[in-house]
Amino acid sequence: MSRKAILWPIIISVVIHLTLLAVAGMIDLRENITPLDVLSVSIKELDLEEKPAPKKENEIKEKIKPVQTKKDKGSLLNDEGWREETIDWSSTDIKYVTYLMKIKKKILGLWKYPQKAFAKNEEGGVVVRMSIDADGNLAGVTLLSSSGSKDLDEGSLNVVQQAAPYEPLPAVYKLSRLHIIASFNYKLMD
């Protein structure tokens, strides 16, 4: 009898604790907290008229054709409902993690070290901004930070274009366009 007297309170306690944990997981305690845009990134475009870019960057920008979107082609859009957001592709925001993993997987599956850069032993980091429309189409890709190597820069821009189209943006985002800042680091191993 003493064994049952000890065992029943333990079983009851475990059941109650598991029930409380399950219920607590279903309750959103953040309802009254306004979300902060901690992971939003605002990047100002360089004004090329004030500061002329080096010749290498100008050559790259001339070769890269911007992707035309429906908005650029002149179709009527309701700008009141137009929402955009910018995030880094290494973001750990739970809202974006799954989608970003799919984007990374698709791009990294195609990404290769450019042969010309490899032959010249060129290394560096490239930062690009890719813009994905709600339907998954690539609206554009922009070079934000050059590696100093024309081949590495073009390799990064080209792989983003080759991987398109992407999966449509999840409906819960309620976005018309998502801008993703991606870094490509090229390093030769000894």
N, C-alpha and C. Protein backbone atom coordinates (compact mmCIF):
# COMPACT_ATOMS: atom_id res chain seq x y z
N MET A 1 0.81 -1.19 0.00
CA MET A 1 0.00 0.00 0.00
C MET A 1 0.86 1.27 0.00
N SER A 2 1.96 1.26 0.67
CA SER A 2 2.82 2.44 0.72
C SER A 2 3.43 2.72 -0.66
N ARG A 3 3.61 1.68 -1.44
CA ARG A 3 4.16 1.86 -2.80
C ARG A 3 3.15 2.61 -3.67
N LYS A 4 1.87 2.23 -3.59
CA LYS A 4 0.82 2.90 -4.35
C LYS A 4 0.64 4.34 -3.87
N ALA A 5 0.80 4.56 -2.59
CA ALA A 5 0.62 5.89 -2.02
C ALA A 5 1.70 6.85 -2.56
N ILE A 6 2.87 6.35 -2.87
CA ILE A 6 3.96 7.17 -3.41
C ILE A 6 3.83 7.30 -4.92
N LEU A 7 3.46 6.24 -5.60
CA LEU A 7 3.39 6.20 -7.06
C LEU A 7 2.27 7.07 -7.63
N TRP A 8 1.09 7.08 -7.04
CA TRP A 8 -0.04 7.85 -7.56
C TRP A 8 0.22 9.35 -7.58
N PRO A 9 0.74 9.95 -6.54
CA PRO A 9 1.02 11.40 -6.61
C PRO A 9 2.05 11.74 -7.69
N ILE A 10 3.02 10.86 -7.90
CA ILE A 10 4.03 11.10 -8.94
C ILE A 10 3.38 11.05 -10.32
N ILE A 11 2.56 10.06 -10.56
CA ILE A 11 1.87 9.92 -11.85
C ILE A 11 0.95 11.12 -12.10
N ILE A 12 0.20 11.51 -11.08
CA ILE A 12 -0.70 12.65 -11.20
C ILE A 12 0.10 13.93 -11.49
N SER A 13 1.21 14.10 -10.80
CA SER A 13 2.07 15.27 -11.00
C SER A 13 2.61 15.32 -12.43
N VAL A 14 3.09 14.18 -12.94
CA VAL A 14 3.62 14.13 -14.31
C VAL A 14 2.53 14.47 -15.32
N VAL A 15 1.34 13.91 -15.15
CA VAL A 15 0.24 14.18 -16.07
C VAL A 15 -0.13 15.67 -16.04
N ILE A 16 -0.21 16.24 -14.87
CA ILE A 16 -0.56 17.66 -14.74
C ILE A 16 0.51 18.54 -15.39
N HIS A 17 1.78 18.23 -15.14
CA HIS A 17 2.86 19.02 -15.73
C HIS A 17 2.87 18.91 -17.26
N LEU A 18 2.68 17.72 -17.79
CA LEU A 18 2.64 17.56 -19.24
C LEU A 18 1.47 18.31 -19.86
N THR A 19 0.33 18.29 -19.18
CA THR A 19 -0.84 19.02 -19.66
C THR A 19 -0.57 20.53 -19.66
N LEU A 20 0.04 21.02 -18.60
CA LEU A 20 0.37 22.45 -18.53
C LEU A 20 1.36 22.86 -19.61
N LEU A 21 2.36 22.03 -19.86
CA LEU A 21 3.33 22.32 -20.92
C LEU A 21 2.67 22.34 -22.29
N ALA A 22 1.77 21.41 -22.53
CA ALA A 22 1.08 21.36 -23.81
C ALA A 22 0.20 22.58 -24.00
N VAL A 23 -0.53 22.97 -22.96
CA VAL A 23 -1.40 24.14 -23.04
C VAL A 23 -0.56 25.41 -23.19
N ALA A 24 0.54 25.51 -22.47
CA ALA A 24 1.40 26.70 -22.55
C ALA A 24 1.99 26.85 -23.94
N GLY A 25 2.26 25.75 -24.62
CA GLY A 25 2.78 25.81 -25.98
C GLY A 25 1.77 26.32 -26.98
N MET A 26 0.50 26.18 -26.69
CA MET A 26 -0.56 26.63 -27.60
C MET A 26 -0.92 28.10 -27.41
N ILE A 27 -0.54 28.68 -26.30
CA ILE A 27 -0.90 30.06 -26.00
C ILE A 27 0.20 30.98 -26.52
N ASP A 28 -0.20 31.98 -27.29
CA ASP A 28 0.74 32.97 -27.78
C ASP A 28 0.80 34.11 -26.78
N LEU A 29 1.89 34.16 -26.04
CA LEU A 29 2.02 35.18 -25.00
C LEU A 29 2.48 36.52 -25.58
N ARG A 30 2.73 36.55 -26.90
CA ARG A 30 3.22 37.77 -27.53
C ARG A 30 2.11 38.57 -28.19
N GLU A 31 0.84 38.28 -27.90
CA GLU A 31 -0.28 38.94 -28.56
C GLU A 31 -0.23 40.45 -28.42
N ASN A 32 0.05 40.94 -27.25
CA ASN A 32 -0.01 42.38 -26.99
C ASN A 32 1.32 43.07 -27.22
N ILE A 33 2.31 42.37 -27.71
CA ILE A 33 3.62 42.96 -27.95
C ILE A 33 3.73 43.28 -29.43
N THR A 34 4.08 44.51 -29.75
CA THR A 34 4.25 44.88 -31.15
C THR A 34 5.59 44.34 -31.63
N PRO A 35 5.60 43.70 -32.80
CA PRO A 35 6.85 43.13 -33.29
C PRO A 35 7.83 44.21 -33.71
N LEU A 36 9.08 43.97 -33.44
CA LEU A 36 10.14 44.89 -33.85
C LEU A 36 10.72 44.38 -35.15
N ASP A 37 11.07 45.28 -36.02
CA ASP A 37 11.71 44.90 -37.27
C ASP A 37 13.21 44.85 -37.07
N VAL A 38 13.65 44.01 -36.18
CA VAL A 38 15.06 43.91 -35.84
C VAL A 38 15.87 43.41 -37.03
N LEU A 39 15.29 42.49 -37.80
CA LEU A 39 16.03 41.89 -38.89
C LEU A 39 15.86 42.59 -40.23
N SER A 40 15.09 43.67 -40.26
CA SER A 40 14.93 44.44 -41.49
C SER A 40 16.21 45.23 -41.73
N VAL A 41 16.63 45.27 -42.95
CA VAL A 41 17.85 45.97 -43.31
C VAL A 41 17.50 47.04 -44.33
N SER A 42 17.93 48.25 -44.08
CA SER A 42 17.73 49.33 -45.05
C SER A 42 19.08 49.67 -45.63
N ILE A 43 19.17 49.56 -46.93
CA ILE A 43 20.42 49.84 -47.60
C ILE A 43 20.17 50.94 -48.62
N LYS A 44 20.93 52.00 -48.52
CA LYS A 44 20.78 53.09 -49.48
C LYS A 44 21.59 52.74 -50.73
N GLU A 45 20.98 53.01 -51.86
CA GLU A 45 21.68 52.82 -53.12
C GLU A 45 22.74 53.92 -53.25
N LEU A 46 23.88 53.56 -53.80
CA LEU A 46 24.93 54.54 -54.02
C LEU A 46 24.52 55.46 -55.15
N ASP A 47 24.75 56.74 -54.97
CA ASP A 47 24.48 57.70 -56.03
C ASP A 47 25.73 57.74 -56.90
N LEU A 48 25.66 57.10 -58.05
CA LEU A 48 26.83 56.96 -58.92
C LEU A 48 27.27 58.29 -59.52
N GLU A 49 26.39 59.29 -59.55
CA GLU A 49 26.76 60.57 -60.10
C GLU A 49 27.69 61.33 -59.15
N GLU A 50 27.48 61.18 -57.85
CA GLU A 50 28.33 61.87 -56.88
C GLU A 50 29.69 61.21 -56.75
N LYS A 51 29.70 59.89 -56.69
CA LYS A 51 30.95 59.15 -56.53
C LYS A 51 31.06 58.16 -57.68
N PRO A 52 31.90 58.45 -58.66
CA PRO A 52 32.01 57.50 -59.77
C PRO A 52 32.61 56.19 -59.28
N ALA A 53 32.01 55.10 -59.71
CA ALA A 53 32.49 53.77 -59.32
C ALA A 53 33.73 53.43 -60.12
N PRO A 54 34.56 52.53 -59.59
CA PRO A 54 35.72 52.09 -60.36
C PRO A 54 35.27 51.47 -61.67
N LYS A 55 36.18 51.48 -62.63
CA LYS A 55 35.85 51.01 -63.97
C LYS A 55 35.35 49.56 -63.97
N LYS A 56 35.93 48.71 -63.14
CA LYS A 56 35.52 47.30 -63.09
C LYS A 56 34.05 47.16 -62.74
N GLU A 57 33.58 47.90 -61.74
CA GLU A 57 32.19 47.79 -61.32
C GLU A 57 31.25 48.30 -62.41
N ASN A 58 31.67 49.38 -63.13
CA ASN A 58 30.83 49.89 -64.21
C ASN A 58 30.69 48.86 -65.31
N GLU A 59 31.77 48.16 -65.64
CA GLU A 59 31.71 47.14 -66.68
C GLU A 59 30.75 46.02 -66.27
N ILE A 60 30.77 45.63 -65.02
CA ILE A 60 29.90 44.56 -64.53
C ILE A 60 28.45 44.98 -64.62
N LYS A 61 28.15 46.19 -64.17
CA LYS A 61 26.77 46.66 -64.17
C LYS A 61 26.23 46.78 -65.59
N GLU A 62 27.09 47.11 -66.56
CA GLU A 62 26.64 47.20 -67.94
C GLU A 62 26.26 45.83 -68.49
N LYS A 63 26.98 44.79 -68.09
CA LYS A 63 26.74 43.45 -68.61
C LYS A 63 25.52 42.79 -67.99
N ILE A 64 25.16 43.19 -66.80
CA ILE A 64 24.05 42.55 -66.11
C ILE A 64 22.77 43.28 -66.47
N LYS A 65 21.84 42.52 -67.00
CA LYS A 65 20.56 43.11 -67.40
C LYS A 65 19.58 42.94 -66.25
N PRO A 66 18.94 44.03 -65.85
CA PRO A 66 17.93 43.89 -64.79
C PRO A 66 16.75 43.07 -65.29
N VAL A 67 16.18 42.31 -64.40
CA VAL A 67 15.02 41.50 -64.72
C VAL A 67 13.80 42.40 -64.66
N GLN A 68 13.02 42.44 -65.74
CA GLN A 68 11.82 43.30 -65.75
C GLN A 68 10.69 42.64 -65.00
N THR A 69 10.01 43.42 -64.23
CA THR A 69 8.85 42.91 -63.50
C THR A 69 7.59 43.46 -64.13
N LYS A 70 6.46 42.94 -63.71
CA LYS A 70 5.17 43.43 -64.20
C LYS A 70 5.02 44.90 -63.85
N LYS A 71 5.53 45.30 -62.71
CA LYS A 71 5.42 46.69 -62.29
C LYS A 71 6.19 47.58 -63.26
N ASP A 72 7.41 47.12 -63.70
CA ASP A 72 8.23 47.89 -64.62
C ASP A 72 7.58 47.99 -65.99
N LYS A 73 6.84 46.97 -66.40
CA LYS A 73 6.25 46.94 -67.73
C LYS A 73 5.02 47.83 -67.84
N GLY A 74 4.57 48.42 -66.75
CA GLY A 74 3.51 49.38 -66.83
C GLY A 74 2.12 48.85 -66.52
N SER A 75 2.00 47.62 -66.10
CA SER A 75 0.66 47.15 -65.74
C SER A 75 0.25 47.81 -64.44
N LEU A 76 -1.04 47.97 -64.26
CA LEU A 76 -1.54 48.67 -63.09
C LEU A 76 -1.46 47.80 -61.85
N LEU A 77 -0.86 48.36 -60.81
CA LEU A 77 -0.77 47.66 -59.52
C LEU A 77 -1.37 48.55 -58.45
N ASN A 78 -1.98 47.94 -57.48
CA ASN A 78 -2.52 48.68 -56.36
C ASN A 78 -1.40 48.88 -55.36
N ASP A 79 -0.78 50.08 -55.36
CA ASP A 79 0.38 50.34 -54.50
C ASP A 79 0.01 50.36 -53.02
N GLU A 80 -1.29 50.54 -52.69
CA GLU A 80 -1.68 50.55 -51.30
C GLU A 80 -1.43 49.19 -50.65
N GLY A 81 -1.58 48.12 -51.41
CA GLY A 81 -1.37 46.78 -50.88
C GLY A 81 0.04 46.27 -51.10
N TRP A 82 0.90 47.08 -51.68
CA TRP A 82 2.26 46.67 -52.00
C TRP A 82 3.10 46.70 -50.73
N ARG A 83 3.64 45.53 -50.35
CA ARG A 83 4.48 45.44 -49.14
C ARG A 83 5.77 44.75 -49.49
N GLU A 84 6.86 45.32 -49.04
CA GLU A 84 8.18 44.74 -49.27
C GLU A 84 8.90 44.62 -47.93
N GLU A 85 9.82 43.69 -47.88
CA GLU A 85 10.65 43.55 -46.69
C GLU A 85 12.03 43.08 -47.13
N THR A 86 13.04 43.48 -46.39
CA THR A 86 14.42 43.09 -46.69
C THR A 86 14.98 42.33 -45.51
N ILE A 87 15.56 41.16 -45.81
CA ILE A 87 16.16 40.34 -44.75
C ILE A 87 17.49 39.79 -45.24
N ASP A 88 18.33 39.39 -44.31
CA ASP A 88 19.59 38.73 -44.63
C ASP A 88 19.34 37.24 -44.75
N TRP A 89 20.00 36.57 -45.66
CA TRP A 89 19.70 35.15 -45.85
C TRP A 89 20.26 34.27 -44.75
N SER A 90 20.98 34.86 -43.81
CA SER A 90 21.42 34.09 -42.64
C SER A 90 20.51 34.40 -41.44
N SER A 91 19.37 35.01 -41.70
CA SER A 91 18.43 35.37 -40.65
C SER A 91 17.95 34.13 -39.90
N THR A 92 17.80 34.28 -38.60
CA THR A 92 17.26 33.19 -37.78
C THR A 92 15.82 33.47 -37.36
N ASP A 93 15.22 34.48 -37.98
CA ASP A 93 13.81 34.79 -37.69
C ASP A 93 12.96 33.59 -38.10
N ILE A 94 12.24 33.04 -37.15
CA ILE A 94 11.46 31.82 -37.36
C ILE A 94 10.49 31.96 -38.53
N LYS A 95 10.04 33.17 -38.78
CA LYS A 95 9.09 33.43 -39.86
C LYS A 95 9.70 33.10 -41.23
N TYR A 96 11.01 33.31 -41.38
CA TYR A 96 11.66 33.18 -42.68
C TYR A 96 12.58 31.97 -42.83
N VAL A 97 12.93 31.32 -41.76
CA VAL A 97 13.96 30.27 -41.80
C VAL A 97 13.69 29.20 -42.85
N THR A 98 12.49 28.67 -42.88
CA THR A 98 12.18 27.58 -43.81
C THR A 98 12.29 28.05 -45.26
N TYR A 99 11.75 29.22 -45.55
CA TYR A 99 11.80 29.73 -46.93
C TYR A 99 13.25 30.01 -47.33
N LEU A 100 14.02 30.63 -46.43
CA LEU A 100 15.41 30.94 -46.74
C LEU A 100 16.24 29.68 -46.97
N MET A 101 15.95 28.62 -46.22
CA MET A 101 16.66 27.36 -46.43
C MET A 101 16.42 26.81 -47.83
N LYS A 102 15.19 26.93 -48.32
CA LYS A 102 14.86 26.47 -49.68
C LYS A 102 15.60 27.30 -50.72
N ILE A 103 15.66 28.61 -50.51
CA ILE A 103 16.38 29.50 -51.43
C ILE A 103 17.86 29.15 -51.45
N LYS A 104 18.45 29.00 -50.25
CA LYS A 104 19.88 28.67 -50.16
C LYS A 104 20.18 27.34 -50.84
N LYS A 105 19.35 26.35 -50.58
CA LYS A 105 19.56 25.02 -51.15
C LYS A 105 19.56 25.08 -52.67
N LYS A 106 18.64 25.83 -53.23
CA LYS A 106 18.54 25.94 -54.68
C LYS A 106 19.76 26.65 -55.27
N ILE A 107 20.17 27.74 -54.63
CA ILE A 107 21.32 28.51 -55.13
C ILE A 107 22.62 27.75 -54.93
N LEU A 108 22.82 27.20 -53.73
CA LEU A 108 24.07 26.51 -53.44
C LEU A 108 24.24 25.24 -54.28
N GLY A 109 23.13 24.68 -54.74
CA GLY A 109 23.22 23.53 -55.63
C GLY A 109 23.80 23.88 -56.99
N LEU A 110 23.71 25.14 -57.38
CA LEU A 110 24.22 25.59 -58.68
C LEU A 110 25.53 26.37 -58.57
N TRP A 111 25.84 26.84 -57.37
CA TRP A 111 26.98 27.75 -57.17
C TRP A 111 28.30 27.03 -57.35
N LYS A 112 29.14 27.58 -58.20
CA LYS A 112 30.48 27.04 -58.44
C LYS A 112 31.49 28.17 -58.44
N TYR A 113 32.71 27.81 -58.19
CA TYR A 113 33.78 28.80 -58.24
C TYR A 113 34.00 29.13 -59.71
N PRO A 114 33.93 30.40 -60.10
CA PRO A 114 34.13 30.75 -61.51
C PRO A 114 35.52 30.30 -62.00
N GLN A 115 35.55 29.63 -63.13
CA GLN A 115 36.80 29.06 -63.65
C GLN A 115 37.88 30.12 -63.87
N LYS A 116 37.50 31.26 -64.45
CA LYS A 116 38.50 32.31 -64.71
C LYS A 116 39.09 32.83 -63.40
N ALA A 117 38.26 33.01 -62.40
CA ALA A 117 38.73 33.49 -61.09
C ALA A 117 39.61 32.44 -60.43
N PHE A 118 39.23 31.17 -60.58
CA PHE A 118 40.03 30.08 -60.01
C PHE A 118 41.42 30.04 -60.65
N ALA A 119 41.46 30.21 -61.97
CA ALA A 119 42.74 30.19 -62.69
C ALA A 119 43.64 31.35 -62.27
N LYS A 120 43.03 32.49 -61.90
CA LYS A 120 43.79 33.67 -61.49
C LYS A 120 44.03 33.70 -59.98
N ASN A 121 43.57 32.66 -59.25
CA ASN A 121 43.68 32.60 -57.79
C ASN A 121 43.00 33.79 -57.11
N GLU A 122 41.87 34.21 -57.64
CA GLU A 122 41.15 35.34 -57.06
C GLU A 122 40.24 34.86 -55.93
N GLU A 123 40.23 35.63 -54.85
CA GLU A 123 39.38 35.36 -53.69
C GLU A 123 38.64 36.64 -53.33
N GLY A 124 37.56 36.48 -52.59
CA GLY A 124 36.85 37.67 -52.13
C GLY A 124 35.43 37.38 -51.72
N GLY A 125 34.78 38.40 -51.25
CA GLY A 125 33.40 38.30 -50.82
C GLY A 125 32.51 39.20 -51.65
N VAL A 126 31.36 38.68 -52.02
CA VAL A 126 30.40 39.42 -52.83
C VAL A 126 29.08 39.48 -52.06
N VAL A 127 28.47 40.64 -52.02
CA VAL A 127 27.16 40.78 -51.39
C VAL A 127 26.18 41.25 -52.46
N VAL A 128 25.08 40.50 -52.60
CA VAL A 128 24.05 40.85 -53.57
C VAL A 128 22.70 40.97 -52.88
N ARG A 129 21.81 41.69 -53.52
CA ARG A 129 20.42 41.76 -53.06
C ARG A 129 19.56 41.17 -54.17
N MET A 130 18.84 40.09 -53.82
CA MET A 130 17.92 39.50 -54.79
C MET A 130 16.51 39.88 -54.36
N SER A 131 15.69 40.20 -55.32
CA SER A 131 14.31 40.60 -55.05
C SER A 131 13.38 39.58 -55.65
N ILE A 132 12.57 38.95 -54.80
CA ILE A 132 11.67 37.88 -55.22
C ILE A 132 10.24 38.36 -55.05
N ASP A 133 9.47 38.29 -56.16
CA ASP A 133 8.06 38.67 -56.11
C ASP A 133 7.25 37.59 -55.42
N ALA A 134 6.02 37.92 -55.07
CA ALA A 134 5.14 37.00 -54.34
C ALA A 134 4.94 35.69 -55.09
N ASP A 135 4.98 35.73 -56.42
CA ASP A 135 4.77 34.51 -57.21
C ASP A 135 6.05 33.69 -57.38
N GLY A 136 7.17 34.15 -56.81
CA GLY A 136 8.43 33.41 -56.86
C GLY A 136 9.35 33.86 -57.98
N ASN A 137 8.88 34.74 -58.85
CA ASN A 137 9.74 35.23 -59.93
C ASN A 137 10.80 36.17 -59.39
N LEU A 138 11.97 36.12 -60.00
CA LEU A 138 13.06 37.00 -59.61
C LEU A 138 12.80 38.37 -60.23
N ALA A 139 12.61 39.38 -59.40
CA ALA A 139 12.34 40.73 -59.88
C ALA A 139 13.64 41.45 -60.24
N GLY A 140 14.72 41.05 -59.62
CA GLY A 140 16.01 41.68 -59.91
C GLY A 140 17.08 41.19 -58.96
N VAL A 141 18.31 41.43 -59.36
CA VAL A 141 19.45 41.10 -58.51
C VAL A 141 20.44 42.25 -58.65
N THR A 142 20.94 42.73 -57.51
CA THR A 142 21.80 43.91 -57.49
C THR A 142 23.09 43.61 -56.74
N LEU A 143 24.19 44.06 -57.28
CA LEU A 143 25.47 43.94 -56.62
C LEU A 143 25.58 45.04 -55.57
N LEU A 144 25.68 44.67 -54.31
CA LEU A 144 25.78 45.66 -53.23
C LEU A 144 27.22 45.90 -52.82
N SER A 145 28.02 44.83 -52.84
CA SER A 145 29.42 44.96 -52.44
C SER A 145 30.26 44.06 -53.34
N SER A 146 31.19 44.67 -54.03
CA SER A 146 32.02 43.93 -54.97
C SER A 146 33.20 43.27 -54.27
N SER A 147 33.65 42.17 -54.84
CA SER A 147 34.82 41.48 -54.33
C SER A 147 36.09 42.10 -54.89
N GLY A 148 35.93 42.93 -55.92
CA GLY A 148 37.09 43.47 -56.61
C GLY A 148 37.45 42.64 -57.82
N SER A 149 36.78 41.51 -57.99
CA SER A 149 37.01 40.63 -59.13
C SER A 149 35.74 40.58 -59.98
N LYS A 150 35.89 40.93 -61.23
CA LYS A 150 34.76 40.92 -62.16
C LYS A 150 34.16 39.52 -62.26
N ASP A 151 35.00 38.50 -62.30
CA ASP A 151 34.53 37.13 -62.45
C ASP A 151 33.76 36.64 -61.22
N LEU A 152 34.24 36.96 -60.04
CA LEU A 152 33.54 36.54 -58.82
C LEU A 152 32.20 37.26 -58.69
N ASP A 153 32.19 38.56 -59.01
CA ASP A 153 30.95 39.33 -58.94
C ASP A 153 29.91 38.78 -59.92
N GLU A 154 30.33 38.55 -61.16
CA GLU A 154 29.41 38.02 -62.17
C GLU A 154 28.95 36.61 -61.81
N GLY A 155 29.84 35.80 -61.23
CA GLY A 155 29.47 34.45 -60.82
C GLY A 155 28.35 34.46 -59.79
N SER A 156 28.43 35.38 -58.83
CA SER A 156 27.39 35.48 -57.80
C SER A 156 26.07 35.96 -58.38
N LEU A 157 26.13 36.97 -59.23
CA LEU A 157 24.90 37.49 -59.84
C LEU A 157 24.26 36.45 -60.76
N ASN A 158 25.10 35.75 -61.51
CA ASN A 158 24.58 34.76 -62.46
C ASN A 158 23.92 33.58 -61.76
N VAL A 159 24.48 33.11 -60.65
CA VAL A 159 23.90 31.95 -59.97
C VAL A 159 22.52 32.28 -59.40
N VAL A 160 22.34 33.51 -58.94
CA VAL A 160 21.02 33.91 -58.44
C VAL A 160 20.01 33.91 -59.58
N GLN A 161 20.44 34.37 -60.76
CA GLN A 161 19.54 34.40 -61.92
C GLN A 161 19.27 32.99 -62.44
N GLN A 162 20.27 32.12 -62.42
CA GLN A 162 20.10 30.75 -62.91
C GLN A 162 19.15 29.95 -62.02
N ALA A 163 19.15 30.22 -60.74
CA ALA A 163 18.32 29.47 -59.80
C ALA A 163 16.84 29.86 -59.88
N ALA A 164 16.56 31.00 -60.50
CA ALA A 164 15.17 31.45 -60.63
C ALA A 164 14.41 30.58 -61.62
N PRO A 165 13.11 30.46 -61.50
CA PRO A 165 12.24 31.06 -60.50
C PRO A 165 12.31 30.29 -59.18
N TYR A 166 11.94 30.98 -58.12
CA TYR A 166 11.94 30.41 -56.78
C TYR A 166 10.51 30.04 -56.39
N GLU A 167 10.39 29.41 -55.23
CA GLU A 167 9.05 29.08 -54.74
C GLU A 167 8.30 30.38 -54.43
N PRO A 168 7.00 30.40 -54.62
CA PRO A 168 6.23 31.59 -54.26
C PRO A 168 6.39 31.90 -52.77
N LEU A 169 6.29 33.18 -52.45
CA LEU A 169 6.39 33.58 -51.04
C LEU A 169 5.19 33.00 -50.28
N PRO A 170 5.42 32.47 -49.08
CA PRO A 170 4.29 31.96 -48.30
C PRO A 170 3.26 33.06 -48.05
N ALA A 171 2.00 32.70 -48.11
CA ALA A 171 0.90 33.67 -47.95
C ALA A 171 0.95 34.39 -46.61
N VAL A 172 1.49 33.73 -45.57
CA VAL A 172 1.52 34.36 -44.25
C VAL A 172 2.44 35.58 -44.23
N TYR A 173 3.36 35.68 -45.18
CA TYR A 173 4.25 36.85 -45.23
C TYR A 173 3.46 38.11 -45.58
N LYS A 174 2.42 37.96 -46.36
CA LYS A 174 1.61 39.10 -46.82
C LYS A 174 2.50 40.16 -47.45
N LEU A 175 3.43 39.71 -48.30
CA LEU A 175 4.37 40.60 -48.97
C LEU A 175 4.17 40.53 -50.49
N SER A 176 4.43 41.64 -51.14
CA SER A 176 4.43 41.67 -52.60
C SER A 176 5.82 41.32 -53.12
N ARG A 177 6.84 41.65 -52.33
CA ARG A 177 8.21 41.38 -52.74
C ARG A 177 9.09 41.21 -51.50
N LEU A 178 10.00 40.26 -51.57
CA LEU A 178 10.96 40.03 -50.50
C LEU A 178 12.36 40.24 -51.05
N HIS A 179 13.11 41.12 -50.40
CA HIS A 179 14.50 41.38 -50.78
C HIS A 179 15.38 40.56 -49.83
N ILE A 180 16.29 39.80 -50.40
CA ILE A 180 17.18 38.96 -49.59
C ILE A 180 18.62 39.39 -49.86
N ILE A 181 19.32 39.73 -48.78
CA ILE A 181 20.73 40.09 -48.87
C ILE A 181 21.54 38.80 -48.71
N ALA A 182 22.32 38.47 -49.73
CA ALA A 182 23.09 37.22 -49.71
C ALA A 182 24.58 37.51 -49.87
N SER A 183 25.38 36.81 -49.09
CA SER A 183 26.84 36.93 -49.18
C SER A 183 27.43 35.67 -49.78
N PHE A 184 28.33 35.86 -50.72
CA PHE A 184 29.04 34.74 -51.34
C PHE A 184 30.52 34.95 -51.05
N ASN A 185 31.13 34.02 -50.33
CA ASN A 185 32.54 34.13 -50.00
C ASN A 185 33.32 33.10 -50.79
N TYR A 186 34.25 33.59 -51.57
CA TYR A 186 35.09 32.75 -52.40
C TYR A 186 36.47 32.65 -51.75
N LYS A 187 36.85 31.44 -51.39
CA LYS A 187 38.12 31.20 -50.71
C LYS A 187 38.75 29.96 -51.30
N LEU A 188 39.98 30.07 -51.75
CA LEU A 188 40.70 28.91 -52.28
C LEU A 188 41.37 28.18 -51.13
N MET A 189 41.22 26.87 -51.13
CA MET A 189 41.85 26.05 -50.10
C MET A 189 43.27 25.69 -50.53
N ASP A 190 44.15 25.65 -49.56
CA ASP A 190 45.56 25.29 -49.87
C ASP A 190 45.71 23.82 -50.15
